C-alpha atoms as a PDB file:
ATOM      1  CA  UNK A   1     -35.736  41.824  11.403  1.00  0.00           C
ATOM      2  CA  UNK A   2     -33.538  39.483   9.340  1.00  0.00           C
ATOM      3  CA  UNK A   3     -30.964  37.091  10.804  1.00  0.00           C
ATOM      4  CA  UNK A   4     -28.254  39.125   9.049  1.00  0.00           C
ATOM      5  CA  UNK A   5     -29.378  42.328  10.791  1.00  0.00           C
ATOM      6  CA  UNK A   6     -29.430  40.571  14.144  1.00  0.00           C
ATOM      7  CA  UNK A   7     -25.931  39.220  13.576  1.00  0.00           C
ATOM      8  CA  UNK A   8     -24.633  42.694  12.723  1.00  0.00           C
ATOM      9  CA  UNK A   9     -26.029  44.058  15.973  1.00  0.00           C
ATOM     10  CA  UNK A  10     -24.100  41.578  18.111  1.00  0.00           C
ATOM     11  CA  UNK A  11     -20.975  42.728  19.887  1.00  0.00           C
ATOM     12  CA  UNK A  12     -18.356  40.370  21.272  1.00  0.00           C
ATOM     13  CA  UNK A  13     -16.176  40.976  24.305  1.00  0.00           C
ATOM     14  CA  UNK A  14     -13.592  38.777  25.979  1.00  0.00           C
ATOM     15  CA  UNK A  15     -13.630  38.155  29.740  1.00  0.00           C
ATOM     16  CA  UNK A  16     -10.514  36.669  31.320  1.00  0.00           C
ATOM     17  CA  UNK A  17     -10.505  35.811  35.043  1.00  0.00           C
ATOM     18  CA  UNK A  18      -6.844  36.112  36.030  1.00  0.00           C
ATOM     19  CA  UNK A  19      -6.896  36.418  39.808  1.00  0.00           C
ATOM     20  CA  UNK A  20      -5.785  32.863  40.569  1.00  0.00           C
ATOM     21  CA  UNK A  21      -2.568  32.169  42.439  1.00  0.00           C
ATOM     22  CA  UNK A  22      -1.778  28.924  40.581  1.00  0.00           C
ATOM     23  CA  UNK A  23      -0.376  27.205  43.682  1.00  0.00           C
ATOM     24  CA  UNK A  24      -0.108  23.806  41.975  1.00  0.00           C
ATOM     25  CA  UNK A  25       2.474  25.322  39.668  1.00  0.00           C
ATOM     26  CA  UNK A  26       4.802  25.887  42.648  1.00  0.00           C
ATOM     27  CA  UNK A  27       6.341  28.883  40.891  1.00  0.00           C
ATOM     28  CA  UNK A  28       7.532  32.236  42.205  1.00  0.00           C
ATOM     29  CA  UNK A  29       4.558  34.022  40.607  1.00  0.00           C
ATOM     30  CA  UNK A  30       1.030  33.270  39.382  1.00  0.00           C
ATOM     31  CA  UNK A  31       1.157  30.983  36.328  1.00  0.00           C
ATOM     32  CA  UNK A  32      -0.408  33.572  34.020  1.00  0.00           C
ATOM     33  CA  UNK A  33       2.718  35.694  34.442  1.00  0.00           C
ATOM     34  CA  UNK A  34       5.248  32.949  33.758  1.00  0.00           C
ATOM     35  CA  UNK A  35       7.484  33.445  30.707  1.00  0.00           C
ATOM     36  CA  UNK A  36       6.525  31.650  27.506  1.00  0.00           C
ATOM     37  CA  UNK A  37       8.343  32.256  24.205  1.00  0.00           C
ATOM     38  CA  UNK A  38       9.524  35.815  24.938  1.00  0.00           C
ATOM     39  CA  UNK A  39       6.169  36.848  26.412  1.00  0.00           C
ATOM     40  CA  UNK A  40       4.131  35.875  29.434  1.00  0.00           C
ATOM     41  CA  UNK A  41       1.327  33.321  29.340  1.00  0.00           C
ATOM     42  CA  UNK A  42      -1.352  35.973  29.711  1.00  0.00           C
ATOM     43  CA  UNK A  43       0.076  38.076  26.875  1.00  0.00           C
ATOM     44  CA  UNK A  44      -0.200  35.110  24.514  1.00  0.00           C
ATOM     45  CA  UNK A  45      -3.748  34.518  25.736  1.00  0.00           C
ATOM     46  CA  UNK A  46      -4.791  38.131  25.213  1.00  0.00           C
ATOM     47  CA  UNK A  47      -3.159  38.225  21.777  1.00  0.00           C
ATOM     48  CA  UNK A  48      -5.195  35.197  20.695  1.00  0.00           C
ATOM     49  CA  UNK A  49      -8.528  36.409  22.057  1.00  0.00           C
ATOM     50  CA  UNK A  50      -8.237  40.019  20.888  1.00  0.00           C
ATOM     51  CA  UNK A  51      -7.100  39.110  17.372  1.00  0.00           C
ATOM     52  CA  UNK A  52     -10.524  38.364  15.798  1.00  0.00           C
ATOM     53  CA  UNK A  53     -12.041  41.387  14.075  1.00  0.00           C
ATOM     54  CA  UNK A  54     -15.404  40.561  15.659  1.00  0.00           C
ATOM     55  CA  UNK A  55     -14.018  41.065  19.185  1.00  0.00           C
ATOM     56  CA  UNK A  56     -14.575  44.615  20.441  1.00  0.00           C
ATOM     57  CA  UNK A  57     -12.457  44.483  23.591  1.00  0.00           C
ATOM     58  CA  UNK A  58     -11.645  42.604  26.777  1.00  0.00           C
ATOM     59  CA  UNK A  59     -12.158  42.705  30.527  1.00  0.00           C
ATOM     60  CA  UNK A  60      -9.437  41.267  32.736  1.00  0.00           C
ATOM     61  CA  UNK A  61     -10.066  40.388  36.391  1.00  0.00           C
ATOM     62  CA  UNK A  62      -6.947  40.552  38.548  1.00  0.00           C
ATOM     63  CA  UNK A  63      -6.379  40.168  42.256  1.00  0.00           C
ATOM     64  CA  UNK A  64      -6.075  43.203  44.490  1.00  0.00           C
ATOM     65  CA  UNK A  65      -2.469  44.269  44.807  1.00  0.00           C
ATOM     66  CA  UNK A  66      -1.389  42.430  41.652  1.00  0.00           C
ATOM     67  CA  UNK A  67       1.908  44.103  40.746  1.00  0.00           C
ATOM     68  CA  UNK A  68       2.693  41.848  37.787  1.00  0.00           C
ATOM     69  CA  UNK A  69      -0.036  43.080  35.439  1.00  0.00           C
ATOM     70  CA  UNK A  70       0.812  46.819  35.442  1.00  0.00           C
ATOM     71  CA  UNK A  71       4.498  45.938  35.125  1.00  0.00           C
ATOM     72  CA  UNK A  72       3.822  44.190  31.801  1.00  0.00           C
ATOM     73  CA  UNK A  73       2.661  47.356  30.073  1.00  0.00           C
ATOM     74  CA  UNK A  74       0.527  45.315  27.696  1.00  0.00           C
ATOM     75  CA  UNK A  75      -0.571  47.306  24.636  1.00  0.00           C
ATOM     76  CA  UNK A  76      -3.617  46.775  22.454  1.00  0.00           C
ATOM     77  CA  UNK A  77      -5.615  48.983  20.103  1.00  0.00           C
ATOM     78  CA  UNK A  78      -8.862  47.617  21.513  1.00  0.00           C
ATOM     79  CA  UNK A  79     -10.420  48.619  24.862  1.00  0.00           C
ATOM     80  CA  UNK A  80      -8.990  46.632  27.772  1.00  0.00           C
ATOM     81  CA  UNK A  81     -10.813  47.058  31.080  1.00  0.00           C
ATOM     82  CA  UNK A  82      -9.512  45.806  34.416  1.00  0.00           C
ATOM     83  CA  UNK A  83     -11.895  44.491  37.076  1.00  0.00           C
ATOM     84  CA  UNK A  84     -11.297  43.388  40.648  1.00  0.00           C
ATOM     85  CA  UNK A  85     -10.754  39.668  41.058  1.00  0.00           C
ATOM     86  CA  UNK A  86     -12.773  37.612  43.527  1.00  0.00           C
ATOM     87  CA  UNK A  87     -12.128  34.729  45.896  1.00  0.00           C
ATOM     88  CA  UNK A  88     -13.330  32.175  43.356  1.00  0.00           C
ATOM     89  CA  UNK A  89     -13.253  32.106  39.564  1.00  0.00           C
ATOM     90  CA  UNK A  90     -16.996  32.717  39.340  1.00  0.00           C
ATOM     91  CA  UNK A  91     -16.614  35.841  41.509  1.00  0.00           C
ATOM     92  CA  UNK A  92     -13.939  37.197  39.169  1.00  0.00           C
ATOM     93  CA  UNK A  93     -16.174  36.555  36.165  1.00  0.00           C
ATOM     94  CA  UNK A  94     -19.115  38.248  37.894  1.00  0.00           C
ATOM     95  CA  UNK A  95     -17.059  41.342  38.655  1.00  0.00           C
ATOM     96  CA  UNK A  96     -15.875  41.522  35.051  1.00  0.00           C
ATOM     97  CA  UNK A  97     -19.403  41.127  33.692  1.00  0.00           C
ATOM     98  CA  UNK A  98     -20.727  43.810  36.031  1.00  0.00           C
ATOM     99  CA  UNK A  99     -18.045  46.239  34.849  1.00  0.00           C
ATOM    100  CA  UNK A 100     -18.776  45.425  31.227  1.00  0.00           C
ATOM    101  CA  UNK A 101     -22.507  45.915  31.754  1.00  0.00           C
ATOM    102  CA  UNK A 102     -21.784  49.443  32.979  1.00  0.00           C
ATOM    103  CA  UNK A 103     -19.665  50.110  29.897  1.00  0.00           C
ATOM    104  CA  UNK A 104     -21.818  48.886  26.998  1.00  0.00           C
ATOM    105  CA  UNK A 105     -25.070  50.374  25.727  1.00  0.00           C
ATOM    106  CA  UNK A 106     -27.208  47.234  25.609  1.00  0.00           C
ATOM    107  CA  UNK A 107     -26.240  44.042  27.464  1.00  0.00           C
ATOM    108  CA  UNK A 108     -28.729  42.050  25.385  1.00  0.00           C
ATOM    109  CA  UNK A 109     -26.672  42.541  22.233  1.00  0.00           C
ATOM    110  CA  UNK A 110     -23.306  41.844  23.862  1.00  0.00           C
ATOM    111  CA  UNK A 111     -21.851  38.340  23.909  1.00  0.00           C
ATOM    112  CA  UNK A 112     -18.913  37.418  26.111  1.00  0.00           C
ATOM    113  CA  UNK A 113     -16.184  34.875  25.470  1.00  0.00           C
ATOM    114  CA  UNK A 114     -15.023  33.810  28.924  1.00  0.00           C
ATOM    115  CA  UNK A 115     -11.559  32.300  28.680  1.00  0.00           C
ATOM    116  CA  UNK A 116      -9.002  30.915  31.129  1.00  0.00           C
ATOM    117  CA  UNK A 117      -5.908  33.089  31.419  1.00  0.00           C
ATOM    118  CA  UNK A 118      -3.765  29.942  31.382  1.00  0.00           C
ATOM    119  CA  UNK A 119      -4.955  28.716  27.952  1.00  0.00           C
ATOM    120  CA  UNK A 120      -2.583  30.518  25.580  1.00  0.00           C
ATOM    121  CA  UNK A 121      -2.758  27.962  22.745  1.00  0.00           C
ATOM    122  CA  UNK A 122      -6.391  28.351  21.673  1.00  0.00           C
ATOM    123  CA  UNK A 123      -6.592  28.494  17.880  1.00  0.00           C
ATOM    124  CA  UNK A 124      -8.082  31.303  15.816  1.00  0.00           C
ATOM    125  CA  UNK A 125     -10.253  28.885  13.843  1.00  0.00           C
ATOM    126  CA  UNK A 126     -11.747  27.475  17.050  1.00  0.00           C
ATOM    127  CA  UNK A 127     -12.593  30.963  18.300  1.00  0.00           C
ATOM    128  CA  UNK A 128     -14.190  31.741  14.935  1.00  0.00           C
ATOM    129  CA  UNK A 129     -16.288  28.565  15.062  1.00  0.00           C
ATOM    130  CA  UNK A 130     -17.434  29.382  18.586  1.00  0.00           C
ATOM    131  CA  UNK A 131     -18.480  32.910  17.636  1.00  0.00           C
ATOM    132  CA  UNK A 132     -20.289  31.710  14.519  1.00  0.00           C
ATOM    133  CA  UNK A 133     -22.138  28.753  16.031  1.00  0.00           C
ATOM    134  CA  UNK A 134     -22.343  29.613  19.716  1.00  0.00           C
ATOM    135  CA  UNK A 135     -24.306  32.817  19.220  1.00  0.00           C
ATOM    136  CA  UNK A 136     -27.028  31.244  17.075  1.00  0.00           C
ATOM    137  CA  UNK A 137     -29.284  30.840  20.123  1.00  0.00           C
ATOM    138  CA  UNK A 138     -29.537  32.038  23.719  1.00  0.00           C
ATOM    139  CA  UNK A 139     -28.136  28.678  24.867  1.00  0.00           C
ATOM    140  CA  UNK A 140     -24.663  29.832  23.864  1.00  0.00           C
ATOM    141  CA  UNK A 141     -21.792  27.422  23.434  1.00  0.00           C
ATOM    142  CA  UNK A 142     -18.361  26.308  24.522  1.00  0.00           C
ATOM    143  CA  UNK A 143     -15.282  24.700  23.085  1.00  0.00           C
ATOM    144  CA  UNK A 144     -14.992  21.092  24.171  1.00  0.00           C
ATOM    145  CA  UNK A 145     -13.366  17.747  23.407  1.00  0.00           C
ATOM    146  CA  UNK A 146     -15.020  14.320  23.327  1.00  0.00           C
ATOM    147  CA  UNK A 147     -13.706  11.993  26.036  1.00  0.00           C
ATOM    148  CA  UNK A 148     -11.599   9.279  24.409  1.00  0.00           C
ATOM    149  CA  UNK A 149     -10.186   7.503  27.464  1.00  0.00           C
ATOM    150  CA  UNK A 150     -12.060   4.982  29.574  1.00  0.00           C
ATOM    151  CA  UNK A 151     -13.506   6.841  32.554  1.00  0.00           C
ATOM    152  CA  UNK A 152     -13.603   5.432  36.086  1.00  0.00           C
ATOM    153  CA  UNK A 153     -15.542   6.717  39.091  1.00  0.00           C
ATOM    154  CA  UNK A 154     -13.581   6.150  42.294  1.00  0.00           C
ATOM    155  CA  UNK A 155     -14.335   5.577  45.918  1.00  0.00           C
ATOM    156  CA  UNK A 156     -11.885   7.067  48.385  1.00  0.00           C
ATOM    157  CA  UNK A 157     -10.935   5.982  51.873  1.00  0.00           C
ATOM    158  CA  UNK A 158      -8.167   6.813  54.320  1.00  0.00           C
ATOM    159  CA  UNK A 159      -5.207   4.487  54.431  1.00  0.00           C
ATOM    160  CA  UNK A 160      -2.215   4.234  56.703  1.00  0.00           C
ATOM    161  CA  UNK A 161       1.085   5.204  55.189  1.00  0.00           C
ATOM    162  CA  UNK A 162       3.185   2.105  54.540  1.00  0.00           C
ATOM    163  CA  UNK A 163       6.214   3.865  53.067  1.00  0.00           C
ATOM    164  CA  UNK A 164       7.838   7.256  52.991  1.00  0.00           C
ATOM    165  CA  UNK A 165       5.739   9.841  51.158  1.00  0.00           C
ATOM    166  CA  UNK A 166       2.953   7.322  50.593  1.00  0.00           C
ATOM    167  CA  UNK A 167      -0.489   8.914  50.143  1.00  0.00           C
ATOM    168  CA  UNK A 168      -2.861   8.927  53.110  1.00  0.00           C
ATOM    169  CA  UNK A 169      -5.803   8.230  50.772  1.00  0.00           C
ATOM    170  CA  UNK A 170      -6.519   5.247  48.582  1.00  0.00           C
ATOM    171  CA  UNK A 171      -8.655   5.414  45.450  1.00  0.00           C
ATOM    172  CA  UNK A 172     -10.402   2.336  44.133  1.00  0.00           C
ATOM    173  CA  UNK A 173     -12.639   1.843  41.110  1.00  0.00           C
ATOM    174  CA  UNK A 174     -16.293   2.092  42.024  1.00  0.00           C
ATOM    175  CA  UNK A 175     -17.732   2.160  38.530  1.00  0.00           C
ATOM    176  CA  UNK A 176     -16.795   2.473  34.850  1.00  0.00           C
ATOM    177  CA  UNK A 177     -18.585   5.417  33.246  1.00  0.00           C
ATOM    178  CA  UNK A 178     -19.979   5.256  29.728  1.00  0.00           C
ATOM    179  CA  UNK A 179     -17.889   7.809  27.834  1.00  0.00           C
ATOM    180  CA  UNK A 180     -20.161   7.908  24.777  1.00  0.00           C
ATOM    181  CA  UNK A 181     -21.747  11.255  25.645  1.00  0.00           C
ATOM    182  CA  UNK A 182     -18.946  12.714  27.804  1.00  0.00           C
ATOM    183  CA  UNK A 183     -16.964  15.806  26.821  1.00  0.00           C
ATOM    184  CA  UNK A 184     -14.102  17.765  28.360  1.00  0.00           C
ATOM    185  CA  UNK A 185     -15.230  21.374  28.813  1.00  0.00           C
ATOM    186  CA  UNK A 186     -12.672  23.894  27.563  1.00  0.00           C
ATOM    187  CA  UNK A 187     -12.718  27.650  27.057  1.00  0.00           C
ATOM    188  CA  UNK A 188     -13.646  30.091  25.627  1.00  0.00           C
ATOM    189  CA  UNK A 189     -17.287  29.730  26.571  1.00  0.00           C
ATOM    190  CA  UNK A 190     -19.670  32.099  24.797  1.00  0.00           C
ATOM    191  CA  UNK A 191     -22.880  33.495  26.282  1.00  0.00           C
ATOM    192  CA  UNK A 192     -25.014  36.604  26.123  1.00  0.00           C
ATOM    193  CA  UNK A 193     -23.846  39.090  28.741  1.00  0.00           C
ATOM    194  CA  UNK A 194     -27.186  39.652  30.453  1.00  0.00           C
ATOM    195  CA  UNK A 195     -28.068  35.939  30.553  1.00  0.00           C
ATOM    196  CA  UNK A 196     -24.720  34.833  31.979  1.00  0.00           C
ATOM    197  CA  UNK A 197     -24.774  37.626  34.552  1.00  0.00           C
ATOM    198  CA  UNK A 198     -28.241  36.545  35.711  1.00  0.00           C
ATOM    199  CA  UNK A 199     -27.250  32.862  35.775  1.00  0.00           C
ATOM    200  CA  UNK A 200     -24.152  33.479  37.893  1.00  0.00           C
ATOM    201  CA  UNK A 201     -26.094  35.710  40.298  1.00  0.00           C
ATOM    202  CA  UNK A 202     -28.751  33.009  40.656  1.00  0.00           C
ATOM    203  CA  UNK A 203     -26.161  30.305  41.308  1.00  0.00           C
ATOM    204  CA  UNK A 204     -24.509  32.463  43.974  1.00  0.00           C
ATOM    205  CA  UNK A 205     -27.873  33.206  45.580  1.00  0.00           C
ATOM    206  CA  UNK A 206     -28.650  29.477  45.753  1.00  0.00           C
ATOM    207  CA  UNK A 207     -25.157  28.620  47.047  1.00  0.00           C
ATOM    208  CA  UNK A 208     -24.568  26.457  43.977  1.00  0.00           C
ATOM    209  CA  UNK A 209     -20.899  25.908  43.191  1.00  0.00           C
ATOM    210  CA  UNK A 210     -20.112  26.350  39.504  1.00  0.00           C
ATOM    211  CA  UNK A 211     -16.681  25.489  38.134  1.00  0.00           C
ATOM    212  CA  UNK A 212     -17.314  27.002  34.714  1.00  0.00           C
ATOM    213  CA  UNK A 213     -19.757  29.416  33.124  1.00  0.00           C
ATOM    214  CA  UNK A 214     -21.619  26.732  31.210  1.00  0.00           C
ATOM    215  CA  UNK A 215     -22.521  25.127  34.552  1.00  0.00           C
ATOM    216  CA  UNK A 216     -24.280  28.309  35.650  1.00  0.00           C
ATOM    217  CA  UNK A 217     -26.181  28.470  32.369  1.00  0.00           C
ATOM    218  CA  UNK A 218     -27.190  24.816  32.714  1.00  0.00           C
ATOM    219  CA  UNK A 219     -28.566  25.484  36.197  1.00  0.00           C
ATOM    220  CA  UNK A 220     -30.574  28.349  34.697  1.00  0.00           C
ATOM    221  CA  UNK A 221     -32.184  25.948  32.226  1.00  0.00           C
ATOM    222  CA  UNK A 222     -30.046  26.494  29.134  1.00  0.00           C
ATOM    223  CA  UNK A 223     -28.340  23.838  27.015  1.00  0.00           C
ATOM    224  CA  UNK A 224     -25.070  25.227  25.632  1.00  0.00           C
ATOM    225  CA  UNK A 225     -23.807  23.845  22.348  1.00  0.00           C
ATOM    226  CA  UNK A 226     -20.617  21.769  22.461  1.00  0.00           C
ATOM    227  CA  UNK A 227     -18.207  22.835  19.719  1.00  0.00           C
ATOM    228  CA  UNK A 228     -15.292  20.477  19.157  1.00  0.00           C
ATOM    229  CA  UNK A 229     -11.897  22.162  19.471  1.00  0.00           C
ATOM    230  CA  UNK A 230      -8.293  21.188  18.836  1.00  0.00           C
ATOM    231  CA  UNK A 231      -6.526  19.158  21.504  1.00  0.00           C
ATOM    232  CA  UNK A 232      -3.691  21.666  21.894  1.00  0.00           C
ATOM    233  CA  UNK A 233      -5.998  24.099  23.724  1.00  0.00           C
ATOM    234  CA  UNK A 234      -4.506  23.013  27.038  1.00  0.00           C
ATOM    235  CA  UNK A 235      -4.726  24.715  30.413  1.00  0.00           C
ATOM    236  CA  UNK A 236      -1.368  25.328  32.048  1.00  0.00           C
ATOM    237  CA  UNK A 237      -1.616  23.873  35.537  1.00  0.00           C
ATOM    238  CA  UNK A 238       1.716  22.193  36.247  1.00  0.00           C
ATOM    239  CA  UNK A 239       5.316  22.809  35.181  1.00  0.00           C
ATOM    240  CA  UNK A 240       5.179  20.203  32.412  1.00  0.00           C
ATOM    241  CA  UNK A 241       2.189  21.984  30.857  1.00  0.00           C
ATOM    242  CA  UNK A 242       4.339  25.065  30.287  1.00  0.00           C
ATOM    243  CA  UNK A 243       6.808  23.013  28.239  1.00  0.00           C
ATOM    244  CA  UNK A 244       3.926  21.459  26.332  1.00  0.00           C
ATOM    245  CA  UNK A 245       2.403  24.878  25.603  1.00  0.00           C
ATOM    246  CA  UNK A 246       5.730  26.039  24.185  1.00  0.00           C
ATOM    247  CA  UNK A 247       5.826  23.066  21.818  1.00  0.00           C
ATOM    248  CA  UNK A 248       2.229  23.645  20.730  1.00  0.00           C
ATOM    249  CA  UNK A 249       2.788  27.353  20.067  1.00  0.00           C
ATOM    250  CA  UNK A 250       5.955  26.675  18.083  1.00  0.00           C
ATOM    251  CA  UNK A 251       4.108  24.072  16.041  1.00  0.00           C
ATOM    252  CA  UNK A 252       1.230  26.471  15.353  1.00  0.00           C
ATOM    253  CA  UNK A 253       3.604  29.224  14.262  1.00  0.00           C
ATOM    254  CA  UNK A 254       5.698  27.005  11.988  1.00  0.00           C
END
């Protein structure tokens, strides 16, 4: 079978874990539901990820009792499935993948773009590059950025407070890390549905903590491709990030 035929057989779905509470944001609601340019963060995110013609649909993992999502009334012409969120991000992704596996005909031909709900600024051209290059092999791929700052590894020890609101921990430089081969992992991260599902199950079975999907694939012996993205693909974590995301979106739309 030719490479062209294989490419035509591939189907792409988006998976968005959106069950987090976003406590660091200190807002009155989870950060994915905060307003951003006349929409919510998650609506911008879904718009970006569902826009490519190659994307067949999406699976969204939300926490039990989430009243914000149904209240949005989000509309899309593509299938949008809702899965139960888990205690950790990896649990939410697993639940979404399991639901998707029950929905599609052949998990071996389905590729999933797992994306953070709080990254509404991802660019269409970066998604296109990830789909084109990340699905060339079973290793998959992820959007990433080369580290440009000097990186320090710290040692931490308890310290007595010497002033009001002073931290009870002190961090000191233990070592300077060579940044030459270091990258910041972003999302989306693209992997074959059946392979990612197996990798996450294996990590859970071995009690291995994975903070992103690429980590699970690495533990399973794969070597995902790093695909350089734009720097405005930020993750909204704190209040200032929301202002920054607004500036980035306005700049992209201008």
